[in-house]
């Protein structure tokens, strides 16, 4: 998934995808989408529908991966930070 996001980030002029449009709109819009998806995931976490919870969790992770790339990072950078937490 990160490779697809990176390709769309690097080809925003030729790519009309949703991901490319987010990169074109900038970091504020990407961060806003992460916040929206986080709220939706929290709402679904309180209910009993596992499918909706997992779906919203996937949306959150997807948008977070986009935000990471917008800032020049990848998921592995976060994994390394987690490894250092005692």
PDB file of N, CA and C in Angstrom:
ATOM      1  N   UNK A   1       0.823  -1.191   0.000  1.00  0.00           N
ATOM      2  CA  UNK A   1       0.000   0.000   0.000  1.00  0.00           C
ATOM      3  C   UNK A   1       0.869   1.258   0.000  1.00  0.00           C
ATOM      4  N   UNK A   2       1.972   1.223   0.742  1.00  0.00           N
ATOM      5  CA  UNK A   2       2.824   2.415   0.797  1.00  0.00           C
ATOM      6  C   UNK A   2       3.429   2.743  -0.573  1.00  0.00           C
ATOM      7  N   UNK A   3       3.735   1.724  -1.352  1.00  0.00           N
ATOM      8  CA  UNK A   3       4.289   1.952  -2.685  1.00  0.00           C
ATOM      9  C   UNK A   3       3.262   2.623  -3.586  1.00  0.00           C
ATOM     10  N   UNK A   4       2.028   2.188  -3.508  1.00  0.00           N
ATOM     11  CA  UNK A   4       0.956   2.801  -4.305  1.00  0.00           C
ATOM     12  C   UNK A   4       0.780   4.260  -3.907  1.00  0.00           C
ATOM     13  N   UNK A   5       0.747   4.514  -2.607  1.00  0.00           N
ATOM     14  CA  UNK A   5       0.598   5.893  -2.113  1.00  0.00           C
ATOM     15  C   UNK A   5       1.765   6.753  -2.600  1.00  0.00           C
ATOM     16  N   UNK A   6       2.982   6.221  -2.500  1.00  0.00           N
ATOM     17  CA  UNK A   6       4.162   6.978  -2.932  1.00  0.00           C
ATOM     18  C   UNK A   6       4.104   7.277  -4.429  1.00  0.00           C
ATOM     19  N   UNK A   7       3.704   6.316  -5.226  1.00  0.00           N
ATOM     20  CA  UNK A   7       3.583   6.542  -6.670  1.00  0.00           C
ATOM     21  C   UNK A   7       2.565   7.623  -6.975  1.00  0.00           C
ATOM     22  N   UNK A   8       1.467   7.605  -6.270  1.00  0.00           N
ATOM     23  CA  UNK A   8       0.435   8.617  -6.517  1.00  0.00           C
ATOM     24  C   UNK A   8       0.875   9.981  -6.015  1.00  0.00           C
ATOM     25  N   UNK A   9       1.643  10.005  -4.950  1.00  0.00           N
ATOM     26  CA  UNK A   9       2.204  11.269  -4.444  1.00  0.00           C
ATOM     27  C   UNK A   9       3.145  11.878  -5.473  1.00  0.00           C
ATOM     28  N   UNK A  10       3.954  11.046  -6.100  1.00  0.00           N
ATOM     29  CA  UNK A  10       4.964  11.535  -7.038  1.00  0.00           C
ATOM     30  C   UNK A  10       4.423  11.825  -8.426  1.00  0.00           C
ATOM     31  N   UNK A  11       3.164  11.484  -8.690  1.00  0.00           N
ATOM     32  CA  UNK A  11       2.577  11.692 -10.019  1.00  0.00           C
ATOM     33  C   UNK A  11       1.268  12.447  -9.945  1.00  0.00           C
ATOM     34  N   UNK A  12       1.182  13.444  -9.074  1.00  0.00           N
ATOM     35  CA  UNK A  12      -0.093  14.144  -8.879  1.00  0.00           C
ATOM     36  C   UNK A  12      -0.566  14.883 -10.126  1.00  0.00           C
ATOM     37  N   UNK A  13       0.339  15.269 -11.007  1.00  0.00           N
ATOM     38  CA  UNK A  13      -0.096  15.993 -12.202  1.00  0.00           C
ATOM     39  C   UNK A  13      -0.766  15.083 -13.219  1.00  0.00           C
ATOM     40  N   UNK A  14      -0.356  13.815 -13.272  1.00  0.00           N
ATOM     41  CA  UNK A  14      -0.940  12.878 -14.238  1.00  0.00           C
ATOM     42  C   UNK A  14      -2.007  11.984 -13.619  1.00  0.00           C
ATOM     43  N   UNK A  15      -2.012  11.884 -12.309  1.00  0.00           N
ATOM     44  CA  UNK A  15      -2.882  10.941 -11.604  1.00  0.00           C
ATOM     45  C   UNK A  15      -4.136  11.665 -11.114  1.00  0.00           C
ATOM     46  N   UNK A  16      -5.293  11.119 -11.420  1.00  0.00           N
ATOM     47  CA  UNK A  16      -6.546  11.734 -10.972  1.00  0.00           C
ATOM     48  C   UNK A  16      -7.171  10.960  -9.810  1.00  0.00           C
ATOM     49  N   UNK A  17      -6.374  10.138  -9.149  1.00  0.00           N
ATOM     50  CA  UNK A  17      -6.893   9.316  -8.059  1.00  0.00           C
ATOM     51  C   UNK A  17      -7.202  10.160  -6.827  1.00  0.00           C
ATOM     52  N   UNK A  18      -7.946   9.557  -5.915  1.00  0.00           N
ATOM     53  CA  UNK A  18      -8.272  10.190  -4.639  1.00  0.00           C
ATOM     54  C   UNK A  18      -6.997  10.545  -3.875  1.00  0.00           C
ATOM     55  N   UNK A  19      -6.042   9.622  -3.843  1.00  0.00           N
ATOM     56  CA  UNK A  19      -4.790   9.846  -3.108  1.00  0.00           C
ATOM     57  C   UNK A  19      -4.036  11.029  -3.700  1.00  0.00           C
ATOM     58  N   UNK A  20      -3.907  11.060  -5.005  1.00  0.00           N
ATOM     59  CA  UNK A  20      -3.216  12.180  -5.658  1.00  0.00           C
ATOM     60  C   UNK A  20      -3.918  13.494  -5.352  1.00  0.00           C
ATOM     61  N   UNK A  21      -5.242  13.482  -5.329  1.00  0.00           N
ATOM     62  CA  UNK A  21      -5.974  14.718  -5.037  1.00  0.00           C
ATOM     63  C   UNK A  21      -5.721  15.193  -3.609  1.00  0.00           C
ATOM     64  N   UNK A  22      -5.564  14.264  -2.672  1.00  0.00           N
ATOM     65  CA  UNK A  22      -5.236  14.660  -1.305  1.00  0.00           C
ATOM     66  C   UNK A  22      -3.858  15.323  -1.240  1.00  0.00           C
ATOM     67  N   UNK A  23      -2.883  14.755  -1.925  1.00  0.00           N
ATOM     68  CA  UNK A  23      -1.550  15.358  -1.934  1.00  0.00           C
ATOM     69  C   UNK A  23      -1.590  16.741  -2.573  1.00  0.00           C
ATOM     70  N   UNK A  24      -2.410  16.899  -3.590  1.00  0.00           N
ATOM     71  CA  UNK A  24      -2.540  18.205  -4.239  1.00  0.00           C
ATOM     72  C   UNK A  24      -3.147  19.229  -3.286  1.00  0.00           C
ATOM     73  N   UNK A  25      -4.096  18.793  -2.467  1.00  0.00           N
ATOM     74  CA  UNK A  25      -4.761  19.696  -1.520  1.00  0.00           C
ATOM     75  C   UNK A  25      -3.869  20.072  -0.346  1.00  0.00           C
ATOM     76  N   UNK A  26      -2.875  19.241  -0.044  1.00  0.00           N
ATOM     77  CA  UNK A  26      -1.898  19.610   0.965  1.00  0.00           C
ATOM     78  C   UNK A  26      -2.075  18.935   2.311  1.00  0.00           C
ATOM     79  N   UNK A  27      -1.097  19.192   3.165  1.00  0.00           N
ATOM     80  CA  UNK A  27      -0.985  18.540   4.463  1.00  0.00           C
ATOM     81  C   UNK A  27      -2.190  18.816   5.362  1.00  0.00           C
ATOM     82  N   UNK A  28      -2.735  20.020   5.310  1.00  0.00           N
ATOM     83  CA  UNK A  28      -3.879  20.330   6.180  1.00  0.00           C
ATOM     84  C   UNK A  28      -5.082  19.458   5.851  1.00  0.00           C
ATOM     85  N   UNK A  29      -5.351  19.264   4.571  1.00  0.00           N
ATOM     86  CA  UNK A  29      -6.478  18.432   4.159  1.00  0.00           C
ATOM     87  C   UNK A  29      -6.227  16.974   4.529  1.00  0.00           C
ATOM     88  N   UNK A  30      -5.000  16.516   4.350  1.00  0.00           N
ATOM     89  CA  UNK A  30      -4.668  15.131   4.702  1.00  0.00           C
ATOM     90  C   UNK A  30      -4.843  14.923   6.203  1.00  0.00           C
ATOM     91  N   UNK A  31      -4.332  15.837   6.997  1.00  0.00           N
ATOM     92  CA  UNK A  31      -4.463  15.730   8.454  1.00  0.00           C
ATOM     93  C   UNK A  31      -5.932  15.778   8.875  1.00  0.00           C
ATOM     94  N   UNK A  32      -6.710  16.610   8.211  1.00  0.00           N
ATOM     95  CA  UNK A  32      -8.151  16.684   8.497  1.00  0.00           C
ATOM     96  C   UNK A  32      -8.811  15.337   8.246  1.00  0.00           C
ATOM     97  N   UNK A  33      -8.466  14.691   7.143  1.00  0.00           N
ATOM     98  CA  UNK A  33      -9.048  13.379   6.836  1.00  0.00           C
ATOM     99  C   UNK A  33      -8.663  12.343   7.885  1.00  0.00           C
ATOM    100  N   UNK A  34      -7.431  12.387   8.384  1.00  0.00           N
ATOM    101  CA  UNK A  34      -7.024  11.465   9.448  1.00  0.00           C
ATOM    102  C   UNK A  34      -7.894  11.691  10.672  1.00  0.00           C
ATOM    103  N   UNK A  35      -8.112  12.940  11.034  1.00  0.00           N
ATOM    104  CA  UNK A  35      -8.968  13.252  12.179  1.00  0.00           C
ATOM    105  C   UNK A  35     -10.390  12.762  11.995  1.00  0.00           C
ATOM    106  N   UNK A  36     -10.948  12.974  10.823  1.00  0.00           N
ATOM    107  CA  UNK A  36     -12.312  12.515  10.541  1.00  0.00           C
ATOM    108  C   UNK A  36     -12.410  11.000  10.658  1.00  0.00           C
ATOM    109  N   UNK A  37     -11.440  10.316  10.079  1.00  0.00           N
ATOM    110  CA  UNK A  37     -11.467   8.846  10.123  1.00  0.00           C
ATOM    111  C   UNK A  37     -11.259   8.339  11.548  1.00  0.00           C
ATOM    112  N   UNK A  38     -10.458   9.026  12.339  1.00  0.00           N
ATOM    113  CA  UNK A  38     -10.249   8.629  13.736  1.00  0.00           C
ATOM    114  C   UNK A  38     -11.548   8.723  14.521  1.00  0.00           C
ATOM    115  N   UNK A  39     -12.289   9.798  14.323  1.00  0.00           N
ATOM    116  CA  UNK A  39     -13.574   9.964  15.006  1.00  0.00           C
ATOM    117  C   UNK A  39     -14.541   8.867  14.586  1.00  0.00           C
ATOM    118  N   UNK A  40     -14.611   8.574  13.301  1.00  0.00           N
ATOM    119  CA  UNK A  40     -15.516   7.538  12.816  1.00  0.00           C
ATOM    120  C   UNK A  40     -15.141   6.168  13.383  1.00  0.00           C
ATOM    121  N   UNK A  41     -13.845   5.887  13.499  1.00  0.00           N
ATOM    122  CA  UNK A  41     -13.400   4.617  14.065  1.00  0.00           C
ATOM    123  C   UNK A  41     -13.770   4.526  15.544  1.00  0.00           C
ATOM    124  N   UNK A  42     -13.613   5.612  16.267  1.00  0.00           N
ATOM    125  CA  UNK A  42     -13.962   5.631  17.691  1.00  0.00           C
ATOM    126  C   UNK A  42     -15.455   5.378  17.875  1.00  0.00           C
ATOM    127  N   UNK A  43     -16.269   5.995  17.054  1.00  0.00           N
ATOM    128  CA  UNK A  43     -17.724   5.792  17.137  1.00  0.00           C
ATOM    129  C   UNK A  43     -18.056   4.321  16.903  1.00  0.00           C
ATOM    130  N   UNK A  44     -17.437   3.714  15.897  1.00  0.00           N
ATOM    131  CA  UNK A  44     -17.714   2.306  15.600  1.00  0.00           C
ATOM    132  C   UNK A  44     -17.152   1.378  16.675  1.00  0.00           C
ATOM    133  N   UNK A  45     -16.101   1.784  17.358  1.00  0.00           N
ATOM    134  CA  UNK A  45     -15.528   0.957  18.429  1.00  0.00           C
ATOM    135  C   UNK A  45     -16.511   0.789  19.581  1.00  0.00           C
ATOM    136  N   UNK A  46     -17.397   1.748  19.743  1.00  0.00           N
ATOM    137  CA  UNK A  46     -18.356   1.710  20.846  1.00  0.00           C
ATOM    138  C   UNK A  46     -19.576   0.861  20.526  1.00  0.00           C
ATOM    139  N   UNK A  47     -19.756   0.498  19.279  1.00  0.00           N
ATOM    140  CA  UNK A  47     -20.897  -0.327  18.877  1.00  0.00           C
ATOM    141  C   UNK A  47     -20.480  -1.794  18.771  1.00  0.00           C
ATOM    142  N   UNK A  48     -21.420  -2.636  18.411  1.00  0.00           N
ATOM    143  CA  UNK A  48     -21.166  -4.074  18.343  1.00  0.00           C
ATOM    144  C   UNK A  48     -20.948  -4.607  16.945  1.00  0.00           C
ATOM    145  N   UNK A  49     -20.765  -3.733  15.967  1.00  0.00           N
ATOM    146  CA  UNK A  49     -20.613  -4.184  14.588  1.00  0.00           C
ATOM    147  C   UNK A  49     -19.124  -4.259  14.240  1.00  0.00           C
ATOM    148  N   UNK A  50     -18.571  -5.459  14.313  1.00  0.00           N
ATOM    149  CA  UNK A  50     -17.142  -5.644  14.053  1.00  0.00           C
ATOM    150  C   UNK A  50     -16.751  -5.248  12.634  1.00  0.00           C
ATOM    151  N   UNK A  51     -17.622  -5.518  11.666  1.00  0.00           N
ATOM    152  CA  UNK A  51     -17.310  -5.175  10.282  1.00  0.00           C
ATOM    153  C   UNK A  51     -17.141  -3.673  10.094  1.00  0.00           C
ATOM    154  N   UNK A  52     -18.062  -2.896  10.686  1.00  0.00           N
ATOM    155  CA  UNK A  52     -17.944  -1.442  10.574  1.00  0.00           C
ATOM    156  C   UNK A  52     -16.704  -0.930  11.293  1.00  0.00           C
ATOM    157  N   UNK A  53     -16.401  -1.511  12.459  1.00  0.00           N
ATOM    158  CA  UNK A  53     -15.212  -1.107  13.201  1.00  0.00           C
ATOM    159  C   UNK A  53     -13.945  -1.376  12.385  1.00  0.00           C
ATOM    160  N   UNK A  54     -13.855  -2.573  11.800  1.00  0.00           N
ATOM    161  CA  UNK A  54     -12.678  -2.908  10.999  1.00  0.00           C
ATOM    162  C   UNK A  54     -12.587  -2.037   9.750  1.00  0.00           C
ATOM    163  N   UNK A  55     -13.717  -1.746   9.142  1.00  0.00           N
ATOM    164  CA  UNK A  55     -13.742  -0.900   7.953  1.00  0.00           C
ATOM    165  C   UNK A  55     -13.227   0.503   8.282  1.00  0.00           C
ATOM    166  N   UNK A  56     -13.721   1.079   9.356  1.00  0.00           N
ATOM    167  CA  UNK A  56     -13.272   2.413   9.749  1.00  0.00           C
ATOM    168  C   UNK A  56     -11.814   2.396  10.206  1.00  0.00           C
ATOM    169  N   UNK A  57     -11.388   1.301  10.822  1.00  0.00           N
ATOM    170  CA  UNK A  57      -9.980   1.165  11.215  1.00  0.00           C
ATOM    171  C   UNK A  57      -9.085   1.160   9.983  1.00  0.00           C
ATOM    172  N   UNK A  58      -9.532   0.473   8.936  1.00  0.00           N
ATOM    173  CA  UNK A  58      -8.775   0.444   7.681  1.00  0.00           C
ATOM    174  C   UNK A  58      -8.712   1.835   7.054  1.00  0.00           C
ATOM    175  N   UNK A  59      -9.823   2.557   7.085  1.00  0.00           N
ATOM    176  CA  UNK A  59      -9.835   3.921   6.541  1.00  0.00           C
ATOM    177  C   UNK A  59      -8.860   4.811   7.301  1.00  0.00           C
ATOM    178  N   UNK A  60      -8.846   4.660   8.622  1.00  0.00           N
ATOM    179  CA  UNK A  60      -7.927   5.455   9.443  1.00  0.00           C
ATOM    180  C   UNK A  60      -6.476   5.131   9.093  1.00  0.00           C
ATOM    181  N   UNK A  61      -6.150   3.861   9.023  1.00  0.00           N
ATOM    182  CA  UNK A  61      -4.777   3.464   8.703  1.00  0.00           C
ATOM    183  C   UNK A  61      -4.375   3.951   7.311  1.00  0.00           C
ATOM    184  N   UNK A  62      -5.268   3.828   6.358  1.00  0.00           N
ATOM    185  CA  UNK A  62      -5.010   4.280   4.995  1.00  0.00           C
ATOM    186  C   UNK A  62      -4.666   5.772   4.972  1.00  0.00           C
ATOM    187  N   UNK A  63      -5.484   6.578   5.628  1.00  0.00           N
ATOM    188  CA  UNK A  63      -5.237   8.017   5.631  1.00  0.00           C
ATOM    189  C   UNK A  63      -3.997   8.369   6.457  1.00  0.00           C
ATOM    190  N   UNK A  64      -3.726   7.600   7.498  1.00  0.00           N
ATOM    191  CA  UNK A  64      -2.513   7.817   8.288  1.00  0.00           C
ATOM    192  C   UNK A  64      -1.265   7.525   7.452  1.00  0.00           C
ATOM    193  N   UNK A  65      -1.310   6.484   6.638  1.00  0.00           N
ATOM    194  CA  UNK A  65      -0.190   6.185   5.747  1.00  0.00           C
ATOM    195  C   UNK A  65       0.046   7.330   4.763  1.00  0.00           C
ATOM    196  N   UNK A  66      -1.023   7.935   4.296  1.00  0.00           N
ATOM    197  CA  UNK A  66      -0.906   9.093   3.406  1.00  0.00           C
ATOM    198  C   UNK A  66      -0.266  10.260   4.156  1.00  0.00           C
ATOM    199  N   UNK A  67      -0.701  10.497   5.382  1.00  0.00           N
ATOM    200  CA  UNK A  67      -0.139  11.580   6.190  1.00  0.00           C
ATOM    201  C   UNK A  67       1.349  11.346   6.460  1.00  0.00           C
ATOM    202  N   UNK A  68       1.700  10.112   6.791  1.00  0.00           N
ATOM    203  CA  UNK A  68       3.109   9.807   7.013  1.00  0.00           C
ATOM    204  C   UNK A  68       3.940  10.160   5.784  1.00  0.00           C
ATOM    205  N   UNK A  69       3.479   9.759   4.608  1.00  0.00           N
ATOM    206  CA  UNK A  69       4.225  10.039   3.383  1.00  0.00           C
ATOM    207  C   UNK A  69       4.265  11.535   3.084  1.00  0.00           C
ATOM    208  N   UNK A  70       3.195  12.239   3.408  1.00  0.00           N
ATOM    209  CA  UNK A  70       3.188  13.684   3.201  1.00  0.00           C
ATOM    210  C   UNK A  70       4.266  14.355   4.051  1.00  0.00           C
ATOM    211  N   UNK A  71       4.565  13.752   5.182  1.00  0.00           N
ATOM    212  CA  UNK A  71       5.605  14.268   6.081  1.00  0.00           C
ATOM    213  C   UNK A  71       6.976  13.652   5.800  1.00  0.00           C
ATOM    214  N   UNK A  72       7.052  12.732   4.836  1.00  0.00           N
ATOM    215  CA  UNK A  72       8.327  12.134   4.459  1.00  0.00           C
ATOM    216  C   UNK A  72       8.696  10.884   5.239  1.00  0.00           C
ATOM    217  N   UNK A  73       7.709  10.241   5.837  1.00  0.00           N
ATOM    218  CA  UNK A  73       7.964   9.045   6.633  1.00  0.00           C
ATOM    219  C   UNK A  73       7.190   7.852   6.085  1.00  0.00           C
ATOM    220  N   UNK A  74       7.545   6.674   6.617  1.00  0.00           N
ATOM    221  CA  UNK A  74       6.836   5.433   6.281  1.00  0.00           C
ATOM    222  C   UNK A  74       6.460   4.731   7.578  1.00  0.00           C
ATOM    223  N   UNK A  75       5.615   3.732   7.464  1.00  0.00           N
ATOM    224  CA  UNK A  75       5.143   3.007   8.640  1.00  0.00           C
ATOM    225  C   UNK A  75       6.303   2.400   9.419  1.00  0.00           C
ATOM    226  N   UNK A  76       7.333   1.961   8.736  1.00  0.00           N
ATOM    227  CA  UNK A  76       8.475   1.372   9.424  1.00  0.00           C
ATOM    228  C   UNK A  76       9.151   2.372  10.366  1.00  0.00           C
ATOM    229  N   UNK A  77       9.103   3.656  10.046  1.00  0.00           N
ATOM    230  CA  UNK A  77       9.647   4.666  10.957  1.00  0.00           C
ATOM    231  C   UNK A  77       8.895   4.656  12.284  1.00  0.00           C
ATOM    232  N   UNK A  78       7.603   4.443  12.229  1.00  0.00           N
ATOM    233  CA  UNK A  78       6.786   4.376  13.444  1.00  0.00           C
ATOM    234  C   UNK A  78       7.083   3.082  14.191  1.00  0.00           C
ATOM    235  N   UNK A  79       7.251   1.997  13.459  1.00  0.00           N
ATOM    236  CA  UNK A  79       7.582   0.711  14.078  1.00  0.00           C
ATOM    237  C   UNK A  79       8.890   0.825  14.859  1.00  0.00           C
ATOM    238  N   UNK A  80       9.867   1.521  14.298  1.00  0.00           N
ATOM    239  CA  UNK A  80      11.142   1.694  14.994  1.00  0.00           C
ATOM    240  C   UNK A  80      10.975   2.487  16.284  1.00  0.00           C
ATOM    241  N   UNK A  81      10.121   3.491  16.259  1.00  0.00           N
ATOM    242  CA  UNK A  81       9.841   4.253  17.483  1.00  0.00           C
ATOM    243  C   UNK A  81       9.181   3.350  18.514  1.00  0.00           C
ATOM    244  N   UNK A  82       8.226   2.535  18.076  1.00  0.00           N
ATOM    245  CA  UNK A  82       7.548   1.616  18.997  1.00  0.00           C
ATOM    246  C   UNK A  82       8.534   0.628  19.622  1.00  0.00           C
ATOM    247  N   UNK A  83       9.500   0.175  18.849  1.00  0.00           N
ATOM    248  CA  UNK A  83      10.498  -0.757  19.375  1.00  0.00           C
ATOM    249  C   UNK A  83      11.342  -0.127  20.483  1.00  0.00           C
ATOM    250  N   UNK A  84      11.505   1.180  20.426  1.00  0.00           N
ATOM    251  CA  UNK A  84      12.354   1.853  21.403  1.00  0.00           C
ATOM    252  C   UNK A  84      11.617   2.201  22.697  1.00  0.00           C
ATOM    253  N   UNK A  85      10.305   2.015  22.698  1.00  0.00           N
ATOM    254  CA  UNK A  85       9.517   2.319  23.900  1.00  0.00           C
ATOM    255  C   UNK A  85       9.656   1.170  24.877  1.00  0.00           C
ATOM    256  N   UNK A  86       9.965   1.494  26.098  1.00  0.00           N
ATOM    257  CA  UNK A  86      10.147   0.460  27.124  1.00  0.00           C
ATOM    258  C   UNK A  86       8.939   0.348  27.987  1.00  0.00           C
TER     259      UNK A  86
END
